[in-house]
Amino acid sequence: GDWICSAVEGDMEAFMVALEVGWAKRSAAYLINYGVGIATRGIRHVGDDFVIHVDARPAVFVQKFRAGAGWQKTEGPDG
């Protein structure tokens, strides 16, 4: 299915600081209300194979994994 961020909860600034996100990215996230109404996920699966299309501009990436296949490496916002 397709999902869009409709709300965020908690102290996003503190959360991003804890994740060691730099000031410029934190400021940009604040200016777009942390992606509310903008950030999307498209999740598809066939059998045990999952593909997640993430659009959380400026981060856009695709994650692929197989259920039941143990630890797997996938893409993230930083590659």
N, C-alpha and C. Protein backbone atom coordinates (compact mmCIF):
# COMPACT_ATOMS: atom_id res chain seq x y z
N GLY A 1 0.82 -1.18 0.00
CA GLY A 1 0.00 0.00 0.00
C GLY A 1 0.86 1.25 0.00
N ASP A 2 0.21 2.36 -0.09
CA ASP A 2 0.89 3.65 -0.08
C ASP A 2 0.53 4.41 1.19
N TRP A 3 1.51 5.02 1.79
CA TRP A 3 1.35 5.72 3.07
C TRP A 3 1.93 7.12 2.97
N ILE A 4 1.30 8.07 3.65
CA ILE A 4 1.83 9.43 3.74
C ILE A 4 1.88 9.81 5.22
N CYS A 5 2.93 10.50 5.60
CA CYS A 5 3.08 10.94 6.98
C CYS A 5 1.98 11.96 7.29
N SER A 6 1.16 11.66 8.28
CA SER A 6 0.05 12.56 8.62
C SER A 6 0.29 13.32 9.93
N ALA A 7 1.28 12.90 10.71
CA ALA A 7 1.56 13.58 11.97
C ALA A 7 2.89 13.07 12.53
N VAL A 8 3.50 13.85 13.39
CA VAL A 8 4.66 13.41 14.16
C VAL A 8 4.36 13.70 15.62
N GLU A 9 4.95 12.91 16.50
CA GLU A 9 4.73 13.10 17.94
C GLU A 9 6.07 13.17 18.65
N GLY A 10 6.09 13.86 19.75
CA GLY A 10 7.30 13.93 20.56
C GLY A 10 8.22 15.06 20.13
N ASP A 11 9.37 15.09 20.76
CA ASP A 11 10.37 16.13 20.52
C ASP A 11 11.26 15.71 19.36
N MET A 12 10.89 16.10 18.16
CA MET A 12 11.63 15.70 16.97
C MET A 12 13.05 16.26 16.97
N GLU A 13 13.23 17.47 17.48
CA GLU A 13 14.57 18.06 17.55
C GLU A 13 15.48 17.19 18.41
N ALA A 14 15.03 16.81 19.59
CA ALA A 14 15.84 15.97 20.49
C ALA A 14 16.11 14.60 19.85
N PHE A 15 15.10 14.06 19.18
CA PHE A 15 15.26 12.78 18.51
C PHE A 15 16.34 12.86 17.43
N MET A 16 16.30 13.91 16.63
CA MET A 16 17.29 14.07 15.56
C MET A 16 18.68 14.34 16.11
N VAL A 17 18.77 15.08 17.20
CA VAL A 17 20.06 15.30 17.86
C VAL A 17 20.62 13.97 18.34
N ALA A 18 19.77 13.13 18.95
CA ALA A 18 20.21 11.82 19.44
C ALA A 18 20.70 10.94 18.29
N LEU A 19 20.15 11.12 17.09
CA LEU A 19 20.59 10.37 15.91
C LEU A 19 21.80 11.01 15.23
N GLU A 20 22.30 12.10 15.85
CA GLU A 20 23.47 12.84 15.35
C GLU A 20 23.24 13.45 13.98
N VAL A 21 22.01 13.90 13.73
CA VAL A 21 21.69 14.62 12.49
C VAL A 21 22.22 16.04 12.65
N GLY A 22 22.90 16.54 11.65
CA GLY A 22 23.49 17.87 11.70
C GLY A 22 22.46 18.99 11.73
N TRP A 23 22.92 20.17 12.14
CA TRP A 23 22.05 21.33 12.29
C TRP A 23 21.31 21.67 11.00
N ALA A 24 22.00 21.65 9.86
CA ALA A 24 21.37 22.04 8.59
C ALA A 24 20.21 21.10 8.25
N LYS A 25 20.41 19.80 8.38
CA LYS A 25 19.33 18.84 8.08
C LYS A 25 18.19 18.96 9.09
N ARG A 26 18.52 19.19 10.35
CA ARG A 26 17.46 19.38 11.36
C ARG A 26 16.64 20.62 11.06
N SER A 27 17.31 21.69 10.65
CA SER A 27 16.61 22.93 10.32
C SER A 27 15.71 22.74 9.11
N ALA A 28 16.21 22.03 8.09
CA ALA A 28 15.40 21.78 6.90
C ALA A 28 14.19 20.93 7.25
N ALA A 29 14.37 19.92 8.09
CA ALA A 29 13.25 19.08 8.51
C ALA A 29 12.21 19.90 9.26
N TYR A 30 12.66 20.80 10.12
CA TYR A 30 11.74 21.67 10.85
C TYR A 30 10.92 22.53 9.88
N LEU A 31 11.58 23.07 8.87
CA LEU A 31 10.90 23.97 7.93
C LEU A 31 9.80 23.26 7.13
N ILE A 32 9.94 21.95 6.93
CA ILE A 32 8.88 21.22 6.22
C ILE A 32 8.05 20.37 7.19
N ASN A 33 8.02 20.82 8.46
CA ASN A 33 7.21 20.17 9.50
C ASN A 33 7.50 18.68 9.58
N TYR A 34 8.77 18.33 9.47
CA TYR A 34 9.24 16.94 9.61
C TYR A 34 8.56 15.98 8.64
N GLY A 35 8.14 16.49 7.49
CA GLY A 35 7.59 15.63 6.44
C GLY A 35 6.10 15.40 6.50
N VAL A 36 5.41 16.02 7.46
CA VAL A 36 3.96 15.83 7.55
C VAL A 36 3.31 16.31 6.25
N GLY A 37 2.53 15.42 5.65
CA GLY A 37 1.86 15.73 4.40
C GLY A 37 2.75 15.62 3.17
N ILE A 38 4.02 15.25 3.37
CA ILE A 38 4.99 15.20 2.28
C ILE A 38 5.64 13.82 2.16
N ALA A 39 6.19 13.32 3.25
CA ALA A 39 6.94 12.05 3.23
C ALA A 39 6.01 10.88 2.96
N THR A 40 6.44 9.99 2.05
CA THR A 40 5.61 8.84 1.70
C THR A 40 6.41 7.54 1.74
N ARG A 41 5.68 6.44 1.85
CA ARG A 41 6.22 5.09 1.73
C ARG A 41 5.28 4.31 0.81
N GLY A 42 5.85 3.62 -0.13
CA GLY A 42 5.09 2.69 -0.96
C GLY A 42 5.60 1.29 -0.66
N ILE A 43 4.77 0.45 -0.08
CA ILE A 43 5.20 -0.87 0.36
C ILE A 43 4.53 -1.93 -0.51
N ARG A 44 5.35 -2.77 -1.13
CA ARG A 44 4.84 -3.84 -1.99
C ARG A 44 5.49 -5.15 -1.59
N HIS A 45 4.75 -6.24 -1.73
CA HIS A 45 5.36 -7.54 -1.50
C HIS A 45 4.75 -8.60 -2.40
N VAL A 46 5.58 -9.53 -2.77
CA VAL A 46 5.17 -10.71 -3.54
C VAL A 46 5.80 -11.89 -2.81
N GLY A 47 4.98 -12.75 -2.25
CA GLY A 47 5.51 -13.86 -1.47
C GLY A 47 6.29 -13.33 -0.28
N ASP A 48 7.55 -13.72 -0.17
CA ASP A 48 8.40 -13.27 0.94
C ASP A 48 9.25 -12.05 0.59
N ASP A 49 9.14 -11.54 -0.64
CA ASP A 49 9.95 -10.40 -1.08
C ASP A 49 9.21 -9.08 -0.88
N PHE A 50 9.87 -8.14 -0.21
CA PHE A 50 9.30 -6.83 0.08
C PHE A 50 10.14 -5.74 -0.58
N VAL A 51 9.47 -4.73 -1.10
CA VAL A 51 10.13 -3.54 -1.65
C VAL A 51 9.43 -2.33 -1.05
N ILE A 52 10.22 -1.42 -0.47
CA ILE A 52 9.69 -0.21 0.14
C ILE A 52 10.30 0.99 -0.57
N HIS A 53 9.48 1.78 -1.23
CA HIS A 53 9.92 3.02 -1.88
C HIS A 53 9.71 4.15 -0.87
N VAL A 54 10.79 4.80 -0.49
CA VAL A 54 10.74 5.87 0.51
C VAL A 54 10.99 7.21 -0.19
N ASP A 55 10.07 8.14 0.02
CA ASP A 55 10.25 9.50 -0.49
C ASP A 55 10.07 10.44 0.69
N ALA A 56 11.19 10.79 1.29
CA ALA A 56 11.20 11.70 2.44
C ALA A 56 12.18 12.82 2.09
N ARG A 57 11.88 13.52 1.03
CA ARG A 57 12.79 14.50 0.45
C ARG A 57 13.48 15.33 1.51
N PRO A 58 14.79 15.49 1.37
CA PRO A 58 15.60 15.18 0.20
C PRO A 58 16.03 13.71 0.11
N ALA A 59 15.72 12.90 1.11
CA ALA A 59 16.11 11.48 1.05
C ALA A 59 15.07 10.68 0.26
N VAL A 60 15.52 10.05 -0.82
CA VAL A 60 14.67 9.17 -1.62
C VAL A 60 15.48 7.90 -1.85
N PHE A 61 14.91 6.75 -1.47
CA PHE A 61 15.63 5.49 -1.63
C PHE A 61 14.66 4.32 -1.65
N VAL A 62 15.18 3.15 -2.01
CA VAL A 62 14.39 1.92 -2.09
C VAL A 62 15.03 0.88 -1.18
N GLN A 63 14.21 0.23 -0.37
CA GLN A 63 14.67 -0.85 0.49
C GLN A 63 14.08 -2.16 -0.02
N LYS A 64 14.91 -3.20 -0.10
CA LYS A 64 14.45 -4.51 -0.53
C LYS A 64 14.92 -5.54 0.48
N PHE A 65 14.02 -6.46 0.83
CA PHE A 65 14.42 -7.54 1.71
C PHE A 65 13.48 -8.72 1.54
N ARG A 66 13.90 -9.85 2.08
CA ARG A 66 13.11 -11.08 2.02
C ARG A 66 12.79 -11.53 3.44
N ALA A 67 11.52 -11.72 3.73
CA ALA A 67 11.09 -12.18 5.05
C ALA A 67 11.65 -13.58 5.30
N GLY A 68 12.15 -13.79 6.51
CA GLY A 68 12.65 -15.09 6.90
C GLY A 68 14.06 -15.39 6.44
N ALA A 69 14.73 -14.42 5.82
CA ALA A 69 16.08 -14.65 5.29
C ALA A 69 17.18 -14.17 6.23
N GLY A 70 16.85 -13.90 7.48
CA GLY A 70 17.85 -13.45 8.44
C GLY A 70 18.24 -11.99 8.22
N TRP A 71 19.39 -11.60 8.82
CA TRP A 71 19.86 -10.22 8.70
C TRP A 71 20.17 -9.91 7.25
N GLN A 72 19.73 -8.72 6.81
CA GLN A 72 19.96 -8.31 5.43
C GLN A 72 20.38 -6.86 5.39
N LYS A 73 21.22 -6.51 4.46
CA LYS A 73 21.67 -5.14 4.27
C LYS A 73 20.74 -4.49 3.25
N THR A 74 20.34 -3.27 3.53
CA THR A 74 19.44 -2.55 2.61
C THR A 74 19.83 -1.08 2.56
N GLU A 75 19.23 -0.36 1.66
CA GLU A 75 19.52 1.07 1.50
C GLU A 75 18.86 1.87 2.64
N GLY A 76 19.41 3.04 2.89
CA GLY A 76 18.86 3.97 3.86
C GLY A 76 19.04 5.38 3.35
N PRO A 77 18.68 6.36 4.15
CA PRO A 77 18.76 7.75 3.69
C PRO A 77 20.18 8.20 3.33
N ASP A 78 21.17 7.56 3.88
CA ASP A 78 22.56 7.93 3.57
C ASP A 78 23.23 6.92 2.65
N GLY A 79 22.45 6.08 2.00
CA GLY A 79 23.00 5.09 1.07
C GLY A 79 23.08 3.71 1.65
